[in-house]
Amino acid sequence: MKPMNDSHLAILRRHMVEVVAIHADLAGDEIGRAVLDERVLEAMRQVPRHLFVPTQLAPFAYQDMPLPIGFDKTISQPFIVALMTDLLSPQPHESVLEVGTGLGYQTALLARLAGHVWSMEVVEEFASHAEELLRSLDYTNVTIRVGDGSRGWSEHAPFDKIVVSSAAEEAPPALLDQLRPGGRLVMPIGPEEMQWLCVFDKDESGRAASHDIMAVRFSRLETVV
């Protein structure tokens, strides 16, 4: 069988987004709406997810499922990526902190939607790979750093939005501190056996209130002592 070309991959990418839209409709009661932001869906139509997975898994990149990327980590299911990005609602003028770069797929989506993305990754190999790949794809509004994402990136705080792609028992205090009043943090919260995708909204007085969206399963947020 001959390899897939760009036209084939574009068709699969559009199909992936259609499946994500169906999943959102089916989960409408849980997530509070049946339709995700068209800006998010259009970004997913444009970003070549097959480049952000190990080469041998590229044929499966557009299936609505997580895929292993090494170091006991995965690239999240497209629907979950879409939902988290939709909930975050990054805007063109905003500064976003991403905790957990991985190989850079959600970073690329955020870069299409936000003003600047500051992305932290604890696995050095992931960070260097993502940085090189995003640079090759001309994403110039992304800065990646190796480090403990639970501590945030104080030099560039406050952030308008923060997204964390791994779970913790509670939102790290440093991240809430570095969230701008009026800002939003999206991350999974809870022990391994029962996690919820949560949204934290910080009011103008600096207090953060959270609400649960839906049950999820993520790897644990790694911290450095």
N, C-alpha and C. Protein backbone atom coordinates (compact mmCIF):
# COMPACT_ATOMS: atom_id res chain seq x y z
N MET A 1 0.85 -1.20 0.00
CA MET A 1 0.00 0.00 0.00
C MET A 1 0.88 1.24 0.00
N LYS A 2 0.57 2.21 -0.85
CA LYS A 2 1.36 3.43 -0.90
C LYS A 2 1.06 4.32 0.30
N PRO A 3 2.02 5.17 0.67
CA PRO A 3 1.82 6.03 1.85
C PRO A 3 0.76 7.11 1.58
N MET A 4 0.17 7.60 2.67
CA MET A 4 -0.82 8.67 2.55
C MET A 4 -0.14 9.98 2.18
N ASN A 5 -0.80 10.76 1.35
CA ASN A 5 -0.27 12.08 1.01
C ASN A 5 -1.01 13.16 1.80
N ASP A 6 -0.64 14.42 1.55
CA ASP A 6 -1.22 15.52 2.31
C ASP A 6 -2.74 15.62 2.13
N SER A 7 -3.23 15.29 0.94
CA SER A 7 -4.67 15.35 0.70
C SER A 7 -5.41 14.32 1.55
N HIS A 8 -4.84 13.10 1.62
CA HIS A 8 -5.44 12.07 2.47
C HIS A 8 -5.47 12.51 3.93
N LEU A 9 -4.36 13.07 4.38
CA LEU A 9 -4.25 13.48 5.78
C LEU A 9 -5.21 14.61 6.10
N ALA A 10 -5.40 15.53 5.15
CA ALA A 10 -6.34 16.63 5.37
C ALA A 10 -7.78 16.12 5.51
N ILE A 11 -8.10 15.10 4.72
CA ILE A 11 -9.45 14.49 4.81
C ILE A 11 -9.62 13.83 6.18
N LEU A 12 -8.61 13.10 6.61
CA LEU A 12 -8.68 12.45 7.93
C LEU A 12 -8.78 13.48 9.05
N ARG A 13 -8.07 14.60 8.88
CA ARG A 13 -8.12 15.66 9.89
C ARG A 13 -9.53 16.27 9.97
N ARG A 14 -10.14 16.50 8.83
CA ARG A 14 -11.52 17.03 8.83
C ARG A 14 -12.47 16.02 9.45
N HIS A 15 -12.26 14.75 9.15
CA HIS A 15 -13.10 13.71 9.75
C HIS A 15 -12.93 13.68 11.26
N MET A 16 -11.69 13.83 11.74
CA MET A 16 -11.44 13.87 13.17
C MET A 16 -12.24 14.99 13.83
N VAL A 17 -12.25 16.15 13.21
CA VAL A 17 -12.98 17.29 13.77
C VAL A 17 -14.48 17.02 13.76
N GLU A 18 -14.96 16.36 12.72
CA GLU A 18 -16.39 16.00 12.68
C GLU A 18 -16.74 15.05 13.83
N VAL A 19 -15.85 14.11 14.11
CA VAL A 19 -16.09 13.17 15.21
C VAL A 19 -16.05 13.92 16.54
N VAL A 20 -15.12 14.85 16.69
CA VAL A 20 -15.05 15.67 17.90
C VAL A 20 -16.36 16.43 18.09
N ALA A 21 -16.90 16.99 17.01
CA ALA A 21 -18.15 17.74 17.10
C ALA A 21 -19.31 16.83 17.52
N ILE A 22 -19.34 15.61 17.00
CA ILE A 22 -20.38 14.65 17.40
C ILE A 22 -20.23 14.32 18.88
N HIS A 23 -19.01 14.09 19.32
CA HIS A 23 -18.75 13.77 20.73
C HIS A 23 -19.22 14.92 21.62
N ALA A 24 -18.96 16.15 21.21
CA ALA A 24 -19.40 17.31 21.98
C ALA A 24 -20.91 17.36 22.09
N ASP A 25 -21.58 17.06 20.99
CA ASP A 25 -23.04 17.05 20.99
C ASP A 25 -23.57 15.99 21.96
N LEU A 26 -22.97 14.81 21.92
CA LEU A 26 -23.42 13.73 22.80
C LEU A 26 -23.15 14.04 24.28
N ALA A 27 -22.08 14.78 24.53
CA ALA A 27 -21.71 15.13 25.91
C ALA A 27 -22.26 16.49 26.32
N GLY A 28 -23.18 17.03 25.54
CA GLY A 28 -23.67 18.37 25.77
C GLY A 28 -24.21 18.62 27.16
N ASP A 29 -24.90 17.64 27.74
CA ASP A 29 -25.46 17.81 29.08
C ASP A 29 -24.36 17.95 30.13
N GLU A 30 -23.25 17.25 29.92
CA GLU A 30 -22.15 17.31 30.88
C GLU A 30 -21.35 18.60 30.75
N ILE A 31 -21.06 19.00 29.51
CA ILE A 31 -20.18 20.14 29.31
C ILE A 31 -20.92 21.46 29.22
N GLY A 32 -22.24 21.41 29.20
CA GLY A 32 -23.02 22.63 29.26
C GLY A 32 -23.37 23.24 27.93
N ARG A 33 -22.94 22.64 26.84
CA ARG A 33 -23.31 23.12 25.51
C ARG A 33 -23.00 22.00 24.52
N ALA A 34 -23.66 22.05 23.40
CA ALA A 34 -23.53 20.96 22.43
C ALA A 34 -22.57 21.29 21.29
N VAL A 35 -22.12 22.53 21.22
CA VAL A 35 -21.27 22.97 20.11
C VAL A 35 -20.02 23.64 20.68
N LEU A 36 -18.85 23.22 20.21
CA LEU A 36 -17.61 23.84 20.63
C LEU A 36 -17.30 25.06 19.76
N ASP A 37 -16.46 25.92 20.29
CA ASP A 37 -16.06 27.15 19.60
C ASP A 37 -15.50 26.81 18.21
N GLU A 38 -16.03 27.45 17.18
CA GLU A 38 -15.57 27.19 15.82
C GLU A 38 -14.10 27.56 15.64
N ARG A 39 -13.60 28.53 16.39
CA ARG A 39 -12.18 28.87 16.31
C ARG A 39 -11.31 27.68 16.71
N VAL A 40 -11.74 26.96 17.73
CA VAL A 40 -11.00 25.79 18.19
C VAL A 40 -11.05 24.69 17.13
N LEU A 41 -12.23 24.45 16.59
CA LEU A 41 -12.37 23.40 15.58
C LEU A 41 -11.57 23.73 14.32
N GLU A 42 -11.56 24.99 13.93
CA GLU A 42 -10.79 25.38 12.74
C GLU A 42 -9.30 25.20 12.99
N ALA A 43 -8.83 25.53 14.19
CA ALA A 43 -7.42 25.30 14.52
C ALA A 43 -7.09 23.82 14.40
N MET A 44 -8.00 22.96 14.84
CA MET A 44 -7.76 21.52 14.76
C MET A 44 -7.76 21.03 13.31
N ARG A 45 -8.50 21.70 12.45
CA ARG A 45 -8.46 21.34 11.03
C ARG A 45 -7.13 21.71 10.39
N GLN A 46 -6.44 22.68 10.98
CA GLN A 46 -5.22 23.20 10.38
C GLN A 46 -3.94 22.56 10.93
N VAL A 47 -3.94 22.18 12.20
CA VAL A 47 -2.71 21.66 12.82
C VAL A 47 -2.53 20.18 12.47
N PRO A 48 -1.41 19.83 11.88
CA PRO A 48 -1.16 18.43 11.45
C PRO A 48 -0.80 17.52 12.62
N ARG A 49 -1.81 16.94 13.26
CA ARG A 49 -1.58 16.14 14.46
C ARG A 49 -0.62 14.98 14.21
N HIS A 50 -0.57 14.48 12.97
CA HIS A 50 0.30 13.33 12.70
C HIS A 50 1.78 13.67 12.89
N LEU A 51 2.12 14.95 12.88
CA LEU A 51 3.51 15.34 13.11
C LEU A 51 3.86 15.37 14.60
N PHE A 52 2.86 15.32 15.45
CA PHE A 52 3.06 15.47 16.89
C PHE A 52 2.95 14.14 17.64
N VAL A 53 3.04 13.04 16.91
CA VAL A 53 3.06 11.71 17.51
C VAL A 53 4.28 10.98 16.97
N PRO A 54 4.73 9.91 17.64
CA PRO A 54 5.83 9.12 17.09
C PRO A 54 5.52 8.66 15.67
N THR A 55 6.53 8.63 14.82
CA THR A 55 6.34 8.35 13.39
C THR A 55 5.54 7.08 13.14
N GLN A 56 5.79 6.04 13.92
CA GLN A 56 5.10 4.77 13.69
C GLN A 56 3.62 4.84 14.02
N LEU A 57 3.20 5.87 14.76
CA LEU A 57 1.78 6.03 15.12
C LEU A 57 1.05 7.05 14.26
N ALA A 58 1.76 7.65 13.31
CA ALA A 58 1.15 8.67 12.46
C ALA A 58 -0.13 8.18 11.76
N PRO A 59 -0.22 6.91 11.30
CA PRO A 59 -1.46 6.46 10.66
C PRO A 59 -2.68 6.51 11.58
N PHE A 60 -2.44 6.56 12.90
CA PHE A 60 -3.55 6.56 13.86
C PHE A 60 -3.81 7.95 14.45
N ALA A 61 -3.09 8.95 13.95
CA ALA A 61 -3.11 10.28 14.58
C ALA A 61 -4.49 10.92 14.58
N TYR A 62 -5.33 10.59 13.61
CA TYR A 62 -6.62 11.28 13.49
C TYR A 62 -7.79 10.46 14.01
N GLN A 63 -7.49 9.41 14.73
CA GLN A 63 -8.53 8.70 15.46
C GLN A 63 -8.77 9.40 16.79
N ASP A 64 -10.01 9.36 17.27
CA ASP A 64 -10.35 10.07 18.51
C ASP A 64 -9.95 9.22 19.71
N MET A 65 -8.62 9.17 19.93
CA MET A 65 -8.09 8.35 21.01
C MET A 65 -6.73 8.90 21.42
N PRO A 66 -6.35 8.69 22.69
CA PRO A 66 -5.00 9.07 23.10
C PRO A 66 -3.98 8.12 22.50
N LEU A 67 -2.75 8.59 22.36
CA LEU A 67 -1.68 7.77 21.82
C LEU A 67 -0.43 7.93 22.67
N PRO A 68 0.34 6.85 22.86
CA PRO A 68 1.57 6.95 23.66
C PRO A 68 2.64 7.75 22.92
N ILE A 69 3.37 8.57 23.68
CA ILE A 69 4.44 9.36 23.05
C ILE A 69 5.79 9.12 23.71
N GLY A 70 5.84 8.19 24.66
CA GLY A 70 7.08 7.88 25.36
C GLY A 70 7.07 8.39 26.79
N PHE A 71 8.00 7.88 27.61
CA PHE A 71 8.14 8.28 29.00
C PHE A 71 6.83 8.10 29.79
N ASP A 72 6.07 7.07 29.42
CA ASP A 72 4.78 6.77 30.07
C ASP A 72 3.80 7.92 29.95
N LYS A 73 3.91 8.71 28.88
CA LYS A 73 3.00 9.83 28.63
C LYS A 73 2.20 9.56 27.36
N THR A 74 1.10 10.30 27.22
CA THR A 74 0.28 10.19 26.01
C THR A 74 -0.05 11.57 25.47
N ILE A 75 -0.38 11.60 24.19
CA ILE A 75 -1.04 12.77 23.62
C ILE A 75 -2.53 12.53 23.83
N SER A 76 -3.23 13.53 24.36
CA SER A 76 -4.62 13.32 24.76
C SER A 76 -5.53 13.09 23.57
N GLN A 77 -6.64 12.44 23.86
CA GLN A 77 -7.71 12.23 22.89
C GLN A 77 -8.12 13.58 22.27
N PRO A 78 -8.29 13.66 20.95
CA PRO A 78 -8.66 14.93 20.32
C PRO A 78 -9.86 15.62 20.94
N PHE A 79 -10.90 14.87 21.31
CA PHE A 79 -12.06 15.50 21.93
C PHE A 79 -11.69 16.21 23.23
N ILE A 80 -10.85 15.58 24.05
CA ILE A 80 -10.46 16.19 25.31
C ILE A 80 -9.61 17.44 25.06
N VAL A 81 -8.71 17.37 24.09
CA VAL A 81 -7.91 18.54 23.73
C VAL A 81 -8.83 19.68 23.28
N ALA A 82 -9.80 19.35 22.44
CA ALA A 82 -10.74 20.36 21.96
C ALA A 82 -11.55 20.95 23.10
N LEU A 83 -12.03 20.09 24.00
CA LEU A 83 -12.84 20.56 25.12
C LEU A 83 -12.03 21.46 26.04
N MET A 84 -10.82 21.04 26.40
CA MET A 84 -10.01 21.86 27.29
C MET A 84 -9.67 23.21 26.65
N THR A 85 -9.39 23.21 25.36
CA THR A 85 -9.09 24.45 24.67
C THR A 85 -10.32 25.34 24.58
N ASP A 86 -11.47 24.73 24.33
CA ASP A 86 -12.73 25.47 24.28
C ASP A 86 -13.03 26.10 25.64
N LEU A 87 -12.88 25.32 26.71
CA LEU A 87 -13.14 25.84 28.05
C LEU A 87 -12.18 26.96 28.41
N LEU A 88 -10.93 26.83 27.98
CA LEU A 88 -9.94 27.86 28.26
C LEU A 88 -10.28 29.17 27.55
N SER A 89 -10.81 29.05 26.33
CA SER A 89 -11.21 30.19 25.51
C SER A 89 -10.09 31.23 25.34
N PRO A 90 -8.94 30.79 24.82
CA PRO A 90 -7.84 31.74 24.61
C PRO A 90 -8.17 32.75 23.52
N GLN A 91 -7.81 34.01 23.76
CA GLN A 91 -8.12 35.09 22.82
C GLN A 91 -6.83 35.65 22.23
N PRO A 92 -6.93 36.30 21.05
CA PRO A 92 -5.72 36.74 20.34
C PRO A 92 -4.81 37.70 21.11
N HIS A 93 -5.35 38.40 22.10
CA HIS A 93 -4.54 39.35 22.85
C HIS A 93 -4.01 38.76 24.15
N GLU A 94 -4.29 37.48 24.43
CA GLU A 94 -4.00 36.94 25.74
C GLU A 94 -2.69 36.16 25.82
N SER A 95 -2.16 36.12 27.04
CA SER A 95 -0.97 35.35 27.36
C SER A 95 -1.41 34.06 28.06
N VAL A 96 -0.96 32.92 27.55
CA VAL A 96 -1.38 31.62 28.07
C VAL A 96 -0.18 30.85 28.59
N LEU A 97 -0.32 30.29 29.79
CA LEU A 97 0.67 29.35 30.32
C LEU A 97 0.15 27.94 30.12
N GLU A 98 0.94 27.11 29.46
CA GLU A 98 0.61 25.70 29.28
C GLU A 98 1.57 24.88 30.12
N VAL A 99 1.03 24.02 30.98
CA VAL A 99 1.85 23.11 31.79
C VAL A 99 1.72 21.72 31.20
N GLY A 100 2.81 21.24 30.61
CA GLY A 100 2.81 19.94 29.95
C GLY A 100 2.81 20.08 28.44
N THR A 101 3.96 20.46 27.88
CA THR A 101 4.08 20.65 26.44
C THR A 101 3.89 19.35 25.68
N GLY A 102 4.41 18.25 26.24
CA GLY A 102 4.43 17.01 25.48
C GLY A 102 5.21 17.22 24.20
N LEU A 103 4.69 16.73 23.08
CA LEU A 103 5.34 16.93 21.79
C LEU A 103 4.82 18.17 21.07
N GLY A 104 3.92 18.93 21.73
CA GLY A 104 3.58 20.26 21.23
C GLY A 104 2.28 20.41 20.49
N TYR A 105 1.41 19.37 20.48
CA TYR A 105 0.17 19.49 19.70
C TYR A 105 -0.76 20.57 20.24
N GLN A 106 -1.09 20.49 21.53
CA GLN A 106 -1.98 21.53 22.06
C GLN A 106 -1.29 22.89 22.07
N THR A 107 0.02 22.90 22.21
CA THR A 107 0.78 24.14 22.12
C THR A 107 0.52 24.82 20.79
N ALA A 108 0.54 24.03 19.71
CA ALA A 108 0.30 24.58 18.38
C ALA A 108 -1.12 25.13 18.26
N LEU A 109 -2.10 24.41 18.81
CA LEU A 109 -3.47 24.91 18.78
C LEU A 109 -3.58 26.23 19.53
N LEU A 110 -2.98 26.28 20.71
CA LEU A 110 -3.03 27.51 21.51
C LEU A 110 -2.35 28.67 20.79
N ALA A 111 -1.25 28.36 20.10
CA ALA A 111 -0.52 29.41 19.39
C ALA A 111 -1.37 30.04 18.29
N ARG A 112 -2.30 29.27 17.72
CA ARG A 112 -3.20 29.81 16.70
C ARG A 112 -4.30 30.67 17.30
N LEU A 113 -4.53 30.53 18.59
CA LEU A 113 -5.69 31.16 19.21
C LEU A 113 -5.33 32.29 20.18
N ALA A 114 -4.12 32.26 20.72
CA ALA A 114 -3.71 33.23 21.74
C ALA A 114 -2.62 34.16 21.22
N GLY A 115 -2.30 35.16 22.05
CA GLY A 115 -1.24 36.09 21.67
C GLY A 115 0.13 35.47 21.83
N HIS A 116 0.38 34.88 23.00
CA HIS A 116 1.66 34.21 23.24
C HIS A 116 1.42 33.02 24.16
N VAL A 117 2.14 31.93 23.90
CA VAL A 117 2.05 30.72 24.70
C VAL A 117 3.38 30.47 25.39
N TRP A 118 3.34 30.43 26.71
CA TRP A 118 4.50 30.07 27.52
C TRP A 118 4.27 28.64 27.97
N SER A 119 5.09 27.70 27.51
CA SER A 119 4.82 26.28 27.73
C SER A 119 5.95 25.64 28.53
N MET A 120 5.56 24.90 29.58
CA MET A 120 6.54 24.24 30.44
C MET A 120 6.43 22.74 30.33
N GLU A 121 7.57 22.07 30.31
CA GLU A 121 7.61 20.62 30.17
C GLU A 121 8.73 20.06 31.06
N VAL A 122 8.40 19.05 31.86
CA VAL A 122 9.37 18.49 32.78
C VAL A 122 10.32 17.50 32.09
N VAL A 123 9.91 16.93 30.96
CA VAL A 123 10.75 15.98 30.22
C VAL A 123 11.55 16.75 29.17
N GLU A 124 12.84 16.82 29.36
CA GLU A 124 13.70 17.63 28.49
C GLU A 124 13.60 17.19 27.03
N GLU A 125 13.55 15.87 26.79
CA GLU A 125 13.48 15.37 25.42
C GLU A 125 12.21 15.86 24.71
N PHE A 126 11.09 15.89 25.43
CA PHE A 126 9.85 16.41 24.85
C PHE A 126 10.00 17.89 24.50
N ALA A 127 10.53 18.64 25.44
CA ALA A 127 10.64 20.09 25.25
C ALA A 127 11.49 20.42 24.03
N SER A 128 12.63 19.76 23.88
CA SER A 128 13.51 20.07 22.75
C SER A 128 12.88 19.65 21.43
N HIS A 129 12.20 18.49 21.43
CA HIS A 129 11.53 18.03 20.22
C HIS A 129 10.41 19.00 19.82
N ALA A 130 9.59 19.38 20.79
CA ALA A 130 8.47 20.28 20.50
C ALA A 130 8.97 21.63 20.02
N GLU A 131 10.01 22.14 20.65
CA GLU A 131 10.55 23.44 20.25
C GLU A 131 11.02 23.42 18.80
N GLU A 132 11.74 22.38 18.43
CA GLU A 132 12.23 22.26 17.05
C GLU A 132 11.08 22.12 16.05
N LEU A 133 10.09 21.29 16.39
CA LEU A 133 8.96 21.06 15.50
C LEU A 133 8.13 22.33 15.32
N LEU A 134 7.82 23.00 16.41
CA LEU A 134 7.01 24.22 16.32
C LEU A 134 7.74 25.31 15.55
N ARG A 135 9.05 25.37 15.72
CA ARG A 135 9.82 26.36 14.96
C ARG A 135 9.77 26.04 13.47
N SER A 136 9.84 24.75 13.13
CA SER A 136 9.80 24.36 11.72
C SER A 136 8.45 24.66 11.08
N LEU A 137 7.41 24.72 11.91
CA LEU A 137 6.07 25.02 11.41
C LEU A 137 5.73 26.51 11.53
N ASP A 138 6.73 27.32 11.87
CA ASP A 138 6.61 28.79 11.91
C ASP A 138 5.69 29.31 13.01
N TYR A 139 5.65 28.60 14.13
CA TYR A 139 4.95 29.15 15.29
C TYR A 139 5.95 30.02 16.06
N THR A 140 5.82 31.32 15.89
CA THR A 140 6.80 32.25 16.46
C THR A 140 6.35 32.84 17.80
N ASN A 141 5.13 32.53 18.22
CA ASN A 141 4.60 33.10 19.47
C ASN A 141 4.57 32.07 20.60
N VAL A 142 5.54 31.16 20.58
CA VAL A 142 5.63 30.10 21.59
C VAL A 142 7.02 30.14 22.23
N THR A 143 7.05 30.07 23.55
CA THR A 143 8.31 29.95 24.28
C THR A 143 8.21 28.73 25.19
N ILE A 144 9.19 27.82 25.10
CA ILE A 144 9.16 26.57 25.87
C ILE A 144 10.31 26.55 26.86
N ARG A 145 10.01 26.05 28.04
CA ARG A 145 11.03 25.95 29.08
C ARG A 145 10.93 24.59 29.76
N VAL A 146 12.07 23.99 30.10
CA VAL A 146 12.10 22.75 30.86
C VAL A 146 12.02 23.09 32.34
N GLY A 147 11.07 22.46 33.04
CA GLY A 147 10.97 22.73 34.46
C GLY A 147 9.70 22.17 35.07
N ASP A 148 9.55 22.39 36.36
CA ASP A 148 8.41 21.94 37.14
C ASP A 148 7.25 22.90 36.91
N GLY A 149 6.29 22.45 36.11
CA GLY A 149 5.18 23.32 35.75
C GLY A 149 4.29 23.70 36.91
N SER A 150 4.30 22.90 37.98
CA SER A 150 3.44 23.22 39.13
C SER A 150 3.87 24.52 39.80
N ARG A 151 5.08 24.96 39.51
CA ARG A 151 5.58 26.21 40.09
C ARG A 151 5.30 27.41 39.20
N GLY A 152 4.77 27.14 38.01
CA GLY A 152 4.46 28.23 37.09
C GLY A 152 5.72 28.83 36.49
N TRP A 153 5.55 30.03 35.95
CA TRP A 153 6.65 30.74 35.28
C TRP A 153 6.54 32.20 35.70
N SER A 154 7.02 32.48 36.89
CA SER A 154 6.74 33.77 37.53
C SER A 154 7.26 34.97 36.75
N GLU A 155 8.35 34.76 35.99
CA GLU A 155 8.92 35.89 35.24
C GLU A 155 7.94 36.47 34.23
N HIS A 156 6.99 35.66 33.76
CA HIS A 156 6.06 36.13 32.73
C HIS A 156 4.63 36.25 33.25
N ALA A 157 4.44 36.04 34.54
CA ALA A 157 3.11 36.19 35.14
C ALA A 157 2.78 37.68 35.29
N PRO A 158 1.50 38.02 35.41
CA PRO A 158 0.36 37.11 35.45
C PRO A 158 -0.07 36.68 34.06
N PHE A 159 -0.72 35.52 34.01
CA PHE A 159 -1.23 34.97 32.76
C PHE A 159 -2.74 35.16 32.69
N ASP A 160 -3.22 35.38 31.47
CA ASP A 160 -4.67 35.49 31.28
C ASP A 160 -5.35 34.13 31.42
N LYS A 161 -4.67 33.10 30.92
CA LYS A 161 -5.22 31.75 30.96
C LYS A 161 -4.10 30.77 31.28
N ILE A 162 -4.46 29.67 31.96
CA ILE A 162 -3.51 28.60 32.27
C ILE A 162 -4.20 27.27 32.00
N VAL A 163 -3.51 26.36 31.32
CA VAL A 163 -4.04 25.02 31.07
C VAL A 163 -2.99 24.00 31.50
N VAL A 164 -3.45 22.97 32.20
CA VAL A 164 -2.55 21.93 32.72
C VAL A 164 -3.03 20.59 32.18
N SER A 165 -2.13 19.86 31.54
CA SER A 165 -2.53 18.62 30.86
C SER A 165 -2.20 17.37 31.67
N SER A 166 -2.10 17.50 32.98
CA SER A 166 -1.96 16.36 33.87
C SER A 166 -2.67 16.69 35.18
N ALA A 167 -2.95 15.65 35.96
CA ALA A 167 -3.84 15.81 37.11
C ALA A 167 -3.09 15.98 38.42
N ALA A 168 -3.73 16.71 39.33
CA ALA A 168 -3.23 16.88 40.69
C ALA A 168 -4.42 16.81 41.65
N GLU A 169 -4.11 16.61 42.93
CA GLU A 169 -5.18 16.54 43.93
C GLU A 169 -5.90 17.89 44.06
N GLU A 170 -5.17 18.97 43.81
CA GLU A 170 -5.73 20.31 43.85
C GLU A 170 -4.94 21.19 42.90
N ALA A 171 -5.51 22.32 42.57
CA ALA A 171 -4.79 23.25 41.69
C ALA A 171 -3.55 23.78 42.41
N PRO A 172 -2.38 23.70 41.79
CA PRO A 172 -1.16 24.19 42.45
C PRO A 172 -1.31 25.67 42.83
N PRO A 173 -1.04 26.01 44.10
CA PRO A 173 -1.19 27.41 44.54
C PRO A 173 -0.40 28.40 43.70
N ALA A 174 0.79 28.00 43.24
CA ALA A 174 1.60 28.92 42.44
C ALA A 174 0.89 29.29 41.14
N LEU A 175 0.17 28.33 40.56
CA LEU A 175 -0.54 28.62 39.32
C LEU A 175 -1.71 29.57 39.56
N LEU A 176 -2.44 29.35 40.62
CA LEU A 176 -3.54 30.26 40.93
C LEU A 176 -3.00 31.66 41.24
N ASP A 177 -1.85 31.72 41.93
CA ASP A 177 -1.25 33.03 42.23
C ASP A 177 -0.84 33.76 40.96
N GLN A 178 -0.40 32.99 39.94
CA GLN A 178 0.09 33.61 38.72
C GLN A 178 -1.01 33.86 37.68
N LEU A 179 -2.25 33.53 38.04
CA LEU A 179 -3.39 33.77 37.16
C LEU A 179 -3.89 35.19 37.38
N ARG A 180 -4.07 35.90 36.29
CA ARG A 180 -4.54 37.28 36.38
C ARG A 180 -5.98 37.33 36.92
N PRO A 181 -6.33 38.33 37.74
CA PRO A 181 -7.74 38.49 38.12
C PRO A 181 -8.61 38.58 36.87
N GLY A 182 -9.70 37.82 36.86
CA GLY A 182 -10.52 37.71 35.68
C GLY A 182 -10.08 36.59 34.75
N GLY A 183 -9.00 35.89 35.13
CA GLY A 183 -8.45 34.82 34.30
C GLY A 183 -9.06 33.46 34.61
N ARG A 184 -8.62 32.46 33.85
CA ARG A 184 -9.18 31.11 33.97
C ARG A 184 -8.08 30.06 33.89
N LEU A 185 -8.22 29.02 34.73
CA LEU A 185 -7.33 27.86 34.71
C LEU A 185 -8.17 26.62 34.45
N VAL A 186 -7.69 25.76 33.56
CA VAL A 186 -8.38 24.51 33.24
C VAL A 186 -7.41 23.36 33.48
N MET A 187 -7.83 22.37 34.29
CA MET A 187 -6.99 21.21 34.54
C MET A 187 -7.80 20.09 35.16
N PRO A 188 -7.31 18.85 35.06
CA PRO A 188 -7.96 17.73 35.75
C PRO A 188 -7.56 17.71 37.22
N ILE A 189 -8.53 17.43 38.08
CA ILE A 189 -8.32 17.42 39.52
C ILE A 189 -8.82 16.11 40.10
N GLY A 190 -8.04 15.54 41.04
CA GLY A 190 -8.49 14.35 41.75
C GLY A 190 -7.47 13.23 41.70
N PRO A 191 -7.71 12.18 42.51
CA PRO A 191 -6.82 11.02 42.51
C PRO A 191 -6.98 10.23 41.22
N GLU A 192 -6.08 9.28 41.00
CA GLU A 192 -6.06 8.54 39.73
C GLU A 192 -7.39 7.85 39.45
N GLU A 193 -8.06 7.36 40.50
CA GLU A 193 -9.29 6.59 40.29
C GLU A 193 -10.52 7.47 40.06
N MET A 194 -10.44 8.77 40.33
CA MET A 194 -11.61 9.63 40.14
C MET A 194 -11.16 11.07 39.90
N GLN A 195 -11.01 11.42 38.64
CA GLN A 195 -10.59 12.77 38.27
C GLN A 195 -11.73 13.48 37.56
N TRP A 196 -11.74 14.81 37.74
CA TRP A 196 -12.71 15.65 37.05
C TRP A 196 -11.98 16.76 36.33
N LEU A 197 -12.38 17.03 35.12
CA LEU A 197 -11.88 18.19 34.42
C LEU A 197 -12.54 19.41 35.06
N CYS A 198 -11.72 20.32 35.56
CA CYS A 198 -12.22 21.46 36.34
C CYS A 198 -11.84 22.79 35.70
N VAL A 199 -12.70 23.75 35.90
CA VAL A 199 -12.46 25.13 35.47
C VAL A 199 -12.39 26.00 36.72
N PHE A 200 -11.30 26.77 36.85
CA PHE A 200 -11.13 27.71 37.95
C PHE A 200 -11.20 29.12 37.37
N ASP A 201 -12.14 29.90 37.85
CA ASP A 201 -12.27 31.30 37.44
C ASP A 201 -11.86 32.19 38.59
N LYS A 202 -10.96 33.12 38.33
CA LYS A 202 -10.46 34.03 39.36
C LYS A 202 -11.16 35.37 39.21
N ASP A 203 -11.82 35.82 40.26
CA ASP A 203 -12.56 37.08 40.15
C ASP A 203 -11.60 38.26 40.33
N GLU A 204 -12.15 39.46 40.20
CA GLU A 204 -11.31 40.65 40.24
C GLU A 204 -10.70 40.89 41.61
N SER A 205 -11.26 40.27 42.65
CA SER A 205 -10.71 40.42 43.99
C SER A 205 -9.60 39.41 44.26
N GLY A 206 -9.39 38.48 43.31
CA GLY A 206 -8.32 37.49 43.44
C GLY A 206 -8.75 36.15 43.98
N ARG A 207 -10.05 35.96 44.23
CA ARG A 207 -10.54 34.68 44.71
C ARG A 207 -10.90 33.77 43.54
N ALA A 208 -10.56 32.48 43.66
CA ALA A 208 -10.82 31.52 42.58
C ALA A 208 -11.94 30.58 42.97
N ALA A 209 -12.90 30.41 42.09
CA ALA A 209 -13.99 29.46 42.28
C ALA A 209 -13.89 28.42 41.18
N SER A 210 -14.21 27.16 41.52
CA SER A 210 -14.08 26.08 40.54
C SER A 210 -15.40 25.38 40.32
N HIS A 211 -15.53 24.78 39.14
CA HIS A 211 -16.66 23.89 38.90
C HIS A 211 -16.21 22.72 38.03
N ASP A 212 -16.79 21.55 38.27
CA ASP A 212 -16.44 20.33 37.57
C ASP A 212 -17.19 20.25 36.25
N ILE A 213 -16.51 19.73 35.23
CA ILE A 213 -17.11 19.60 33.91
C ILE A 213 -17.49 18.16 33.61
N MET A 214 -16.52 17.26 33.65
CA MET A 214 -16.80 15.85 33.36
C MET A 214 -15.68 14.98 33.89
N ALA A 215 -15.97 13.70 34.08
CA ALA A 215 -14.96 12.75 34.54
C ALA A 215 -13.93 12.50 33.45
N VAL A 216 -12.67 12.45 33.85
CA VAL A 216 -11.57 12.24 32.90
C VAL A 216 -10.52 11.34 33.55
N ARG A 217 -9.49 10.99 32.77
CA ARG A 217 -8.37 10.21 33.31
C ARG A 217 -7.07 10.71 32.68
N PHE A 218 -6.22 11.28 33.52
CA PHE A 218 -4.94 11.84 33.07
C PHE A 218 -3.81 11.26 33.91
N SER A 219 -2.59 11.34 33.38
CA SER A 219 -1.42 11.00 34.18
C SER A 219 -1.21 12.08 35.24
N ARG A 220 -0.41 11.77 36.26
CA ARG A 220 -0.21 12.68 37.36
C ARG A 220 0.76 13.80 37.00
N LEU A 221 0.52 14.97 37.55
CA LEU A 221 1.40 16.10 37.37
C LEU A 221 2.71 15.83 38.09
N GLU A 222 3.82 15.85 37.33
CA GLU A 222 5.13 15.61 37.92
C GLU A 222 5.68 16.89 38.54
N THR A 223 6.20 16.76 39.75
CA THR A 223 6.83 17.91 40.41
C THR A 223 8.28 17.55 40.71
N VAL A 224 9.09 18.57 40.87
CA VAL A 224 10.51 18.40 41.15
C VAL A 224 10.77 18.94 42.54
N VAL A 225 11.33 18.09 43.39
CA VAL A 225 11.60 18.50 44.78
C VAL A 225 12.85 19.36 44.82
